[in-house]
Protein backbone atom coordinates (compact mmCIF):
# COMPACT_ATOMS: atom_id res chain seq x y z
CA MET A 1 58.55 139.51 -4.42
CA PRO A 2 61.50 140.10 -2.08
CA MET A 3 63.47 137.15 -0.83
CA GLU A 4 63.06 136.42 2.80
CA THR A 5 66.28 135.95 4.69
CA THR A 6 66.44 133.94 7.80
CA VAL A 7 67.92 135.91 10.64
CA PRO A 8 69.18 133.95 13.62
CA THR A 9 67.34 134.72 16.76
CA GLU A 10 70.57 134.64 18.78
CA THR A 11 73.45 136.85 17.95
CA VAL A 12 76.76 135.06 18.02
CA THR A 13 79.74 137.04 19.18
CA LYS A 14 83.22 135.84 18.51
CA VAL A 15 85.51 135.95 21.50
CA ILE A 16 89.15 136.23 20.61
CA GLU A 17 91.45 135.12 23.35
CA VAL A 18 94.81 136.82 23.27
CA VAL A 19 97.56 134.63 24.62
CA GLU A 20 101.06 135.98 25.01
CA GLN A 21 103.42 133.96 22.84
CA MET A 22 106.84 133.15 24.24
CA ASP A 23 109.74 134.44 22.16
CA TYR A 24 112.26 131.63 21.78
CA THR A 25 114.59 133.50 19.43
CA GLU A 26 117.29 134.18 22.03
CA TYR A 27 117.17 130.61 23.32
CA LEU A 28 117.40 129.18 19.79
CA VAL A 29 120.37 131.41 18.94
CA LYS A 30 122.20 130.21 22.07
CA LEU A 31 121.34 126.60 21.22
CA VAL A 32 122.64 126.91 17.66
CA ASN A 33 125.83 128.62 18.85
CA SER A 34 126.51 125.94 21.46
CA ASN A 35 125.82 123.26 18.84
CA GLU A 36 128.37 124.87 16.52
CA LEU A 37 130.94 124.94 19.34
CA ILE A 38 130.35 121.27 20.08
CA LEU A 39 130.72 120.36 16.40
CA ASP A 40 133.96 122.35 16.16
CA ALA A 41 135.34 120.53 19.21
CA VAL A 42 134.36 117.16 17.73
CA HIS A 43 136.16 118.04 14.48
CA VAL A 44 139.32 119.03 16.34
CA LEU A 45 139.24 115.88 18.49
CA SER A 46 138.65 113.66 15.47
CA GLY A 47 141.65 115.28 13.78
CA PHE A 48 143.85 114.51 16.78
CA ALA A 49 142.51 110.95 16.92
CA LEU A 50 143.25 110.41 13.23
CA PHE A 51 146.77 111.78 13.69
CA ALA A 52 147.36 109.47 16.68
CA ILE A 53 146.15 106.46 14.70
CA VAL A 54 148.49 107.27 11.81
CA VAL A 55 151.44 107.73 14.19
CA CYS A 56 150.70 104.41 15.90
CA LEU A 57 150.38 102.66 12.55
CA CYS A 58 153.73 104.05 11.40
CA TYR A 59 155.38 103.07 14.68
CA PHE A 60 154.13 99.48 14.56
CA CYS A 61 155.07 99.15 10.88
CA TYR A 62 158.56 100.34 11.80
CA LYS A 63 158.76 97.82 14.65
CA PHE A 64 157.50 95.03 12.38
CA PHE A 65 159.91 95.71 9.51
CA ARG A 66 162.81 96.16 11.91
CA ILE A 67 162.58 92.45 12.63
CA PHE A 68 163.67 91.61 9.09
CA PHE A 69 166.45 94.18 8.63
């Protein structure tokens, strides 16, 4: 005895909607490059700031010890 299969009375069709995807590769590359430039500038400025702090510390130590000698 063959098995009876139930066949839907309505046929369902799948509709695939094609949506154009934006390509953000160029924007992301520019963003990463600008971020690297900003980080490089911060490193340079922090180096100058550290140098200025050391110079000021040496100057004030000199002024302080000059009192005693």
